[in-house]
PDB file of N, CA and C in Angstrom:
ATOM      1  N   MET A   1       0.823  -1.190   0.000  1.00  0.00           N
ATOM      2  CA  MET A   1       0.000   0.000   0.000  1.00  0.00           C
ATOM      3  C   MET A   1       0.872   1.261   0.000  1.00  0.00           C
ATOM      4  N   ARG A   2       1.985   1.178   0.693  1.00  0.00           N
ATOM      5  CA  ARG A   2       2.893   2.320   0.779  1.00  0.00           C
ATOM      6  C   ARG A   2       3.448   2.670  -0.599  1.00  0.00           C
ATOM      7  N   LYS A   3       3.784   1.672  -1.377  1.00  0.00           N
ATOM      8  CA  LYS A   3       4.322   1.912  -2.726  1.00  0.00           C
ATOM      9  C   LYS A   3       3.261   2.546  -3.633  1.00  0.00           C
ATOM     10  N   ALA A   4       2.005   2.144  -3.457  1.00  0.00           N
ATOM     11  CA  ALA A   4       0.930   2.734  -4.269  1.00  0.00           C
ATOM     12  C   ALA A   4       0.746   4.208  -3.934  1.00  0.00           C
ATOM     13  N   ILE A   5       0.821   4.549  -2.654  1.00  0.00           N
ATOM     14  CA  ILE A   5       0.695   5.950  -2.241  1.00  0.00           C
ATOM     15  C   ILE A   5       1.879   6.755  -2.754  1.00  0.00           C
ATOM     16  N   GLN A   6       3.063   6.175  -2.720  1.00  0.00           N
ATOM     17  CA  GLN A   6       4.236   6.858  -3.258  1.00  0.00           C
ATOM     18  C   GLN A   6       4.100   7.067  -4.762  1.00  0.00           C
ATOM     19  N   LEU A   7       3.546   6.104  -5.464  1.00  0.00           N
ATOM     20  CA  LEU A   7       3.350   6.235  -6.908  1.00  0.00           C
ATOM     21  C   LEU A   7       2.351   7.350  -7.222  1.00  0.00           C
ATOM     22  N   VAL A   8       1.265   7.396  -6.478  1.00  0.00           N
ATOM     23  CA  VAL A   8       0.281   8.467  -6.666  1.00  0.00           C
ATOM     24  C   VAL A   8       0.927   9.821  -6.367  1.00  0.00           C
ATOM     25  N   GLY A   9       1.711   9.896  -5.300  1.00  0.00           N
ATOM     26  CA  GLY A   9       2.413  11.135  -4.963  1.00  0.00           C
ATOM     27  C   GLY A   9       3.375  11.551  -6.059  1.00  0.00           C
ATOM     28  N   LEU A  10       4.085  10.595  -6.636  1.00  0.00           N
ATOM     29  CA  LEU A  10       5.011  10.896  -7.727  1.00  0.00           C
ATOM     30  C   LEU A  10       4.267  11.423  -8.950  1.00  0.00           C
ATOM     31  N   ILE A  11       3.145  10.799  -9.283  1.00  0.00           N
ATOM     32  CA  ILE A  11       2.359  11.247 -10.429  1.00  0.00           C
ATOM     33  C   ILE A  11       1.822  12.655 -10.184  1.00  0.00           C
ATOM     34  N   LEU A  12       1.322  12.924  -8.976  1.00  0.00           N
ATOM     35  CA  LEU A  12       0.818  14.262  -8.660  1.00  0.00           C
ATOM     36  C   LEU A  12       1.932  15.297  -8.727  1.00  0.00           C
ATOM     37  N   ALA A  13       3.101  14.955  -8.202  1.00  0.00           N
ATOM     38  CA  ALA A  13       4.223  15.895  -8.238  1.00  0.00           C
ATOM     39  C   ALA A  13       4.648  16.174  -9.677  1.00  0.00           C
ATOM     40  N   LEU A  14       4.731  15.138 -10.491  1.00  0.00           N
ATOM     41  CA  LEU A  14       5.108  15.330 -11.898  1.00  0.00           C
ATOM     42  C   LEU A  14       4.063  16.141 -12.651  1.00  0.00           C
ATOM     43  N   GLN A  15       2.772  15.874 -12.384  1.00  0.00           N
ATOM     44  CA  GLN A  15       1.722  16.647 -13.041  1.00  0.00           C
ATOM     45  C   GLN A  15       1.758  18.106 -12.615  1.00  0.00           C
ATOM     46  N   GLY A  16       2.024  18.366 -11.351  1.00  0.00           N
ATOM     47  CA  GLY A  16       2.096  19.742 -10.874  1.00  0.00           C
ATOM     48  C   GLY A  16       3.263  20.505 -11.480  1.00  0.00           C
ATOM     49  N   ILE A  17       4.417  19.872 -11.498  1.00  0.00           N
ATOM     50  CA  ILE A  17       5.603  20.521 -12.071  1.00  0.00           C
ATOM     51  C   ILE A  17       5.428  20.723 -13.577  1.00  0.00           C
ATOM     52  N   SER A  18       4.931  19.704 -14.262  1.00  0.00           N
ATOM     53  CA  SER A  18       4.733  19.807 -15.702  1.00  0.00           C
ATOM     54  C   SER A  18       3.665  20.850 -16.034  1.00  0.00           C
ATOM     55  N   GLY A  19       2.619  20.921 -15.225  1.00  0.00           N
ATOM     56  CA  GLY A  19       1.590  21.920 -15.453  1.00  0.00           C
ATOM     57  C   GLY A  19       2.108  23.331 -15.252  1.00  0.00           C
ATOM     58  N   ALA A  20       2.983  23.511 -14.263  1.00  0.00           N
ATOM     59  CA  ALA A  20       3.581  24.823 -14.041  1.00  0.00           C
ATOM     60  C   ALA A  20       4.471  25.208 -15.224  1.00  0.00           C
ATOM     61  N   ILE A  21       5.231  24.253 -15.728  1.00  0.00           N
ATOM     62  CA  ILE A  21       6.074  24.515 -16.902  1.00  0.00           C
ATOM     63  C   ILE A  21       5.197  24.812 -18.111  1.00  0.00           C
ATOM     64  N   ASP A  22       4.110  24.061 -18.270  1.00  0.00           N
ATOM     65  CA  ASP A  22       3.207  24.277 -19.396  1.00  0.00           C
ATOM     66  C   ASP A  22       2.516  25.632 -19.299  1.00  0.00           C
ATOM     67  N   HIS A  23       2.262  26.092 -18.099  1.00  0.00           N
ATOM     68  CA  HIS A  23       1.618  27.397 -17.930  1.00  0.00           C
ATOM     69  C   HIS A  23       2.566  28.536 -18.319  1.00  0.00           C
ATOM     70  N   VAL A  24       3.847  28.350 -18.051  1.00  0.00           N
ATOM     71  CA  VAL A  24       4.837  29.378 -18.366  1.00  0.00           C
ATOM     72  C   VAL A  24       5.323  29.244 -19.819  1.00  0.00           C
ATOM     73  N   ALA A  25       5.549  28.025 -20.270  1.00  0.00           N
ATOM     74  CA  ALA A  25       6.014  27.751 -21.634  1.00  0.00           C
ATOM     75  C   ALA A  25       5.379  26.447 -22.093  1.00  0.00           C
ATOM     76  N   ALA A  26       5.599  26.049 -23.310  1.00  0.00           N
ATOM     77  CA  ALA A  26       5.016  24.817 -23.845  1.00  0.00           C
ATOM     78  C   ALA A  26       5.739  23.594 -23.299  1.00  0.00           C
ATOM     79  N   GLN A  27       4.991  22.528 -23.077  1.00  0.00           N
ATOM     80  CA  GLN A  27       5.539  21.274 -22.562  1.00  0.00           C
ATOM     81  C   GLN A  27       5.157  20.163 -23.541  1.00  0.00           C
ATOM     82  N   PRO A  28       6.051  19.775 -24.458  1.00  0.00           N
ATOM     83  CA  PRO A  28       5.684  18.806 -25.479  1.00  0.00           C
ATOM     84  C   PRO A  28       5.790  17.340 -25.048  1.00  0.00           C
ATOM     85  N   ILE A  29       6.491  17.049 -23.972  1.00  0.00           N
ATOM     86  CA  ILE A  29       6.749  15.658 -23.579  1.00  0.00           C
ATOM     87  C   ILE A  29       5.608  15.138 -22.715  1.00  0.00           C
ATOM     88  N   PHE A  30       4.952  14.061 -23.149  1.00  0.00           N
ATOM     89  CA  PHE A  30       3.834  13.451 -22.432  1.00  0.00           C
ATOM     90  C   PHE A  30       2.787  14.492 -22.055  1.00  0.00           C
ATOM     91  N   GLY A  31       2.478  15.392 -22.983  1.00  0.00           N
ATOM     92  CA  GLY A  31       1.585  16.512 -22.717  1.00  0.00           C
ATOM     93  C   GLY A  31       0.243  16.110 -22.150  1.00  0.00           C
ATOM     94  N   PHE A  32      -0.424  15.117 -22.731  1.00  0.00           N
ATOM     95  CA  PHE A  32      -1.758  14.761 -22.253  1.00  0.00           C
ATOM     96  C   PHE A  32      -1.708  14.146 -20.857  1.00  0.00           C
ATOM     97  N   LEU A  33      -0.750  13.278 -20.624  1.00  0.00           N
ATOM     98  CA  LEU A  33      -0.667  12.601 -19.322  1.00  0.00           C
ATOM     99  C   LEU A  33      -0.205  13.547 -18.225  1.00  0.00           C
ATOM    100  N   LEU A  34       0.871  14.265 -18.461  1.00  0.00           N
ATOM    101  CA  LEU A  34       1.436  15.109 -17.416  1.00  0.00           C
ATOM    102  C   LEU A  34       0.678  16.419 -17.225  1.00  0.00           C
ATOM    103  N   ASN A  35      -0.031  16.870 -18.228  1.00  0.00           N
ATOM    104  CA  ASN A  35      -0.754  18.132 -18.111  1.00  0.00           C
ATOM    105  C   ASN A  35      -2.253  17.934 -17.987  1.00  0.00           C
ATOM    106  N   PHE A  36      -2.675  16.760 -17.575  1.00  0.00           N
ATOM    107  CA  PHE A  36      -4.104  16.473 -17.410  1.00  0.00           C
ATOM    108  C   PHE A  36      -4.751  17.442 -16.430  1.00  0.00           C
ATOM    109  N   PHE A  37      -4.133  17.649 -15.282  1.00  0.00           N
ATOM    110  CA  PHE A  37      -4.671  18.566 -14.272  1.00  0.00           C
ATOM    111  C   PHE A  37      -4.730  19.985 -14.820  1.00  0.00           C
ATOM    112  N   ASN A  38      -3.680  20.387 -15.493  1.00  0.00           N
ATOM    113  CA  ASN A  38      -3.577  21.755 -16.009  1.00  0.00           C
ATOM    114  C   ASN A  38      -4.565  22.026 -17.139  1.00  0.00           C
ATOM    115  N   ARG A  39      -4.798  21.058 -17.992  1.00  0.00           N
ATOM    116  CA  ARG A  39      -5.615  21.291 -19.181  1.00  0.00           C
ATOM    117  C   ARG A  39      -7.056  20.834 -19.038  1.00  0.00           C
ATOM    118  N   VAL A  40      -7.359  19.937 -18.097  1.00  0.00           N
ATOM    119  CA  VAL A  40      -8.717  19.411 -17.973  1.00  0.00           C
ATOM    120  C   VAL A  40      -9.393  19.890 -16.688  1.00  0.00           C
ATOM    121  N   ILE A  41      -8.723  19.777 -15.569  1.00  0.00           N
ATOM    122  CA  ILE A  41      -9.340  20.080 -14.279  1.00  0.00           C
ATOM    123  C   ILE A  41      -9.433  21.587 -14.035  1.00  0.00           C
ATOM    124  N   ILE A  42      -8.349  22.301 -14.202  1.00  0.00           N
ATOM    125  CA  ILE A  42      -8.324  23.738 -13.882  1.00  0.00           C
ATOM    126  C   ILE A  42      -9.359  24.544 -14.681  1.00  0.00           C
ATOM    127  N   PRO A  43      -9.521  24.331 -15.995  1.00  0.00           N
ATOM    128  CA  PRO A  43     -10.535  25.122 -16.715  1.00  0.00           C
ATOM    129  C   PRO A  43     -11.970  24.864 -16.249  1.00  0.00           C
ATOM    130  N   ARG A  44     -12.232  23.711 -15.650  1.00  0.00           N
ATOM    131  CA  ARG A  44     -13.592  23.366 -15.222  1.00  0.00           C
ATOM    132  C   ARG A  44     -13.915  23.834 -13.806  1.00  0.00           C
ATOM    133  N   VAL A  45     -12.924  24.277 -13.051  1.00  0.00           N
ATOM    134  CA  VAL A  45     -13.145  24.754 -11.685  1.00  0.00           C
ATOM    135  C   VAL A  45     -12.988  26.278 -11.696  1.00  0.00           C
ATOM    136  N   ASP A  46     -14.095  26.972 -11.517  1.00  0.00           N
ATOM    137  CA  ASP A  46     -14.068  28.435 -11.608  1.00  0.00           C
ATOM    138  C   ASP A  46     -13.233  29.072 -10.510  1.00  0.00           C
ATOM    139  N   ALA A  47     -13.127  28.438  -9.354  1.00  0.00           N
ATOM    140  CA  ALA A  47     -12.357  29.007  -8.243  1.00  0.00           C
ATOM    141  C   ALA A  47     -10.863  29.085  -8.564  1.00  0.00           C
ATOM    142  N   LEU A  48     -10.399  28.284  -9.507  1.00  0.00           N
ATOM    143  CA  LEU A  48      -8.978  28.275  -9.853  1.00  0.00           C
ATOM    144  C   LEU A  48      -8.639  29.227 -10.991  1.00  0.00           C
ATOM    145  N   ALA A  49      -9.626  29.899 -11.527  1.00  0.00           N
ATOM    146  CA  ALA A  49      -9.378  30.840 -12.636  1.00  0.00           C
ATOM    147  C   ALA A  49      -8.485  31.978 -12.159  1.00  0.00           C
ATOM    148  N   GLY A  50      -7.381  32.162 -12.844  1.00  0.00           N
ATOM    149  CA  GLY A  50      -6.422  33.193 -12.469  1.00  0.00           C
ATOM    150  C   GLY A  50      -5.349  32.697 -11.519  1.00  0.00           C
ATOM    151  N   TYR A  51      -5.509  31.497 -10.986  1.00  0.00           N
ATOM    152  CA  TYR A  51      -4.547  30.933 -10.041  1.00  0.00           C
ATOM    153  C   TYR A  51      -3.957  29.621 -10.565  1.00  0.00           C
ATOM    154  N   GLU A  52      -3.793  29.520 -11.864  1.00  0.00           N
ATOM    155  CA  GLU A  52      -3.356  28.266 -12.468  1.00  0.00           C
ATOM    156  C   GLU A  52      -1.969  27.847 -11.999  1.00  0.00           C
ATOM    157  N   LEU A  53      -1.057  28.783 -11.965  1.00  0.00           N
ATOM    158  CA  LEU A  53       0.311  28.463 -11.545  1.00  0.00           C
ATOM    159  C   LEU A  53       0.339  28.037 -10.085  1.00  0.00           C
ATOM    160  N   PHE A  54      -0.388  28.747  -9.237  1.00  0.00           N
ATOM    161  CA  PHE A  54      -0.472  28.397  -7.825  1.00  0.00           C
ATOM    162  C   PHE A  54      -1.098  27.009  -7.644  1.00  0.00           C
ATOM    163  N   ALA A  55      -2.130  26.696  -8.427  1.00  0.00           N
ATOM    164  CA  ALA A  55      -2.783  25.389  -8.332  1.00  0.00           C
ATOM    165  C   ALA A  55      -1.828  24.272  -8.744  1.00  0.00           C
ATOM    166  N   ASN A  56      -1.056  24.487  -9.796  1.00  0.00           N
ATOM    167  CA  ASN A  56      -0.103  23.468 -10.241  1.00  0.00           C
ATOM    168  C   ASN A  56       1.009  23.261  -9.220  1.00  0.00           C
ATOM    169  N   LEU A  57       1.518  24.339  -8.666  1.00  0.00           N
ATOM    170  CA  LEU A  57       2.575  24.201  -7.660  1.00  0.00           C
ATOM    171  C   LEU A  57       2.039  23.585  -6.376  1.00  0.00           C
ATOM    172  N   SER A  58       0.787  23.857  -6.037  1.00  0.00           N
ATOM    173  CA  SER A  58       0.159  23.225  -4.873  1.00  0.00           C
ATOM    174  C   SER A  58      -0.012  21.724  -5.105  1.00  0.00           C
ATOM    175  N   LEU A  59      -0.365  21.349  -6.325  1.00  0.00           N
ATOM    176  CA  LEU A  59      -0.481  19.929  -6.663  1.00  0.00           C
ATOM    177  C   LEU A  59       0.871  19.230  -6.537  1.00  0.00           C
ATOM    178  N   ALA A  60       1.927  19.892  -6.993  1.00  0.00           N
ATOM    179  CA  ALA A  60       3.270  19.318  -6.865  1.00  0.00           C
ATOM    180  C   ALA A  60       3.651  19.175  -5.399  1.00  0.00           C
ATOM    181  N   ALA A  61       3.333  20.167  -4.581  1.00  0.00           N
ATOM    182  CA  ALA A  61       3.636  20.097  -3.144  1.00  0.00           C
ATOM    183  C   ALA A  61       2.847  18.970  -2.479  1.00  0.00           C
ATOM    184  N   LEU A  62       1.586  18.795  -2.870  1.00  0.00           N
ATOM    185  CA  LEU A  62       0.782  17.706  -2.323  1.00  0.00           C
ATOM    186  C   LEU A  62       1.394  16.354  -2.676  1.00  0.00           C
ATOM    187  N   GLY A  63       1.882  16.233  -3.895  1.00  0.00           N
ATOM    188  CA  GLY A  63       2.535  14.984  -4.300  1.00  0.00           C
ATOM    189  C   GLY A  63       3.780  14.699  -3.476  1.00  0.00           C
ATOM    190  N   VAL A  64       4.583  15.713  -3.228  1.00  0.00           N
ATOM    191  CA  VAL A  64       5.790  15.529  -2.411  1.00  0.00           C
ATOM    192  C   VAL A  64       5.414  15.164  -0.980  1.00  0.00           C
ATOM    193  N   VAL A  65       4.371  15.783  -0.451  1.00  0.00           N
ATOM    194  CA  VAL A  65       3.908  15.453   0.908  1.00  0.00           C
ATOM    195  C   VAL A  65       3.450  14.005   0.976  1.00  0.00           C
ATOM    196  N   LEU A  66       2.737  13.541  -0.046  1.00  0.00           N
ATOM    197  CA  LEU A  66       2.308  12.136  -0.064  1.00  0.00           C
ATOM    198  C   LEU A  66       3.491  11.191  -0.108  1.00  0.00           C
ATOM    199  N   ILE A  67       4.497  11.510  -0.894  1.00  0.00           N
ATOM    200  CA  ILE A  67       5.685  10.665  -0.970  1.00  0.00           C
ATOM    201  C   ILE A  67       6.383  10.604   0.386  1.00  0.00           C
ATOM    202  N   LEU A  68       6.559  11.749   1.016  1.00  0.00           N
ATOM    203  CA  LEU A  68       7.233  11.800   2.311  1.00  0.00           C
ATOM    204  C   LEU A  68       6.415  11.118   3.410  1.00  0.00           C
ATOM    205  N   ALA A  69       5.100  11.288   3.389  1.00  0.00           N
ATOM    206  CA  ALA A  69       4.252  10.662   4.395  1.00  0.00           C
ATOM    207  C   ALA A  69       4.269   9.138   4.252  1.00  0.00           C
ATOM    208  N   ALA A  70       4.256   8.658   3.012  1.00  0.00           N
ATOM    209  CA  ALA A  70       4.311   7.211   2.807  1.00  0.00           C
ATOM    210  C   ALA A  70       5.665   6.651   3.229  1.00  0.00           C
ATOM    211  N   GLU A  71       6.724   7.417   3.047  1.00  0.00           N
ATOM    212  CA  GLU A  71       8.056   6.973   3.446  1.00  0.00           C
ATOM    213  C   GLU A  71       8.161   6.900   4.975  1.00  0.00           C
ATOM    214  N   ARG A  72       7.572   7.863   5.655  1.00  0.00           N
ATOM    215  CA  ARG A  72       7.635   7.874   7.126  1.00  0.00           C
ATOM    216  C   ARG A  72       6.729   6.840   7.756  1.00  0.00           C
ATOM    217  N   ALA A  73       5.745   6.330   7.010  1.00  0.00           N
ATOM    218  CA  ALA A  73       4.786   5.371   7.551  1.00  0.00           C
ATOM    219  C   ALA A  73       5.376   3.976   7.703  1.00  0.00           C
ATOM    220  N   ARG A  74       6.595   3.810   7.334  1.00  0.00           N
ATOM    221  CA  ARG A  74       7.257   2.505   7.463  1.00  0.00           C
ATOM    222  C   ARG A  74       7.240   2.074   8.858  1.00  0.00           C
TER     223      ARG A  74
END
């Protein structure tokens, strides 16, 4: 279970970082997979309008927290 949580955390961190890069410049590598949050979720949530970069960086931070929490749960 710990490895699954770490994997989810890694995916969230990668999506957050990639979304932040995509917001500032184009991100051609694995665009659909890594920018899913940035291109699908953010436009549909009105509360995140204007805060796209903050939302992506928050997603990356959440992913890192999940990775660290799963590591400490040993």
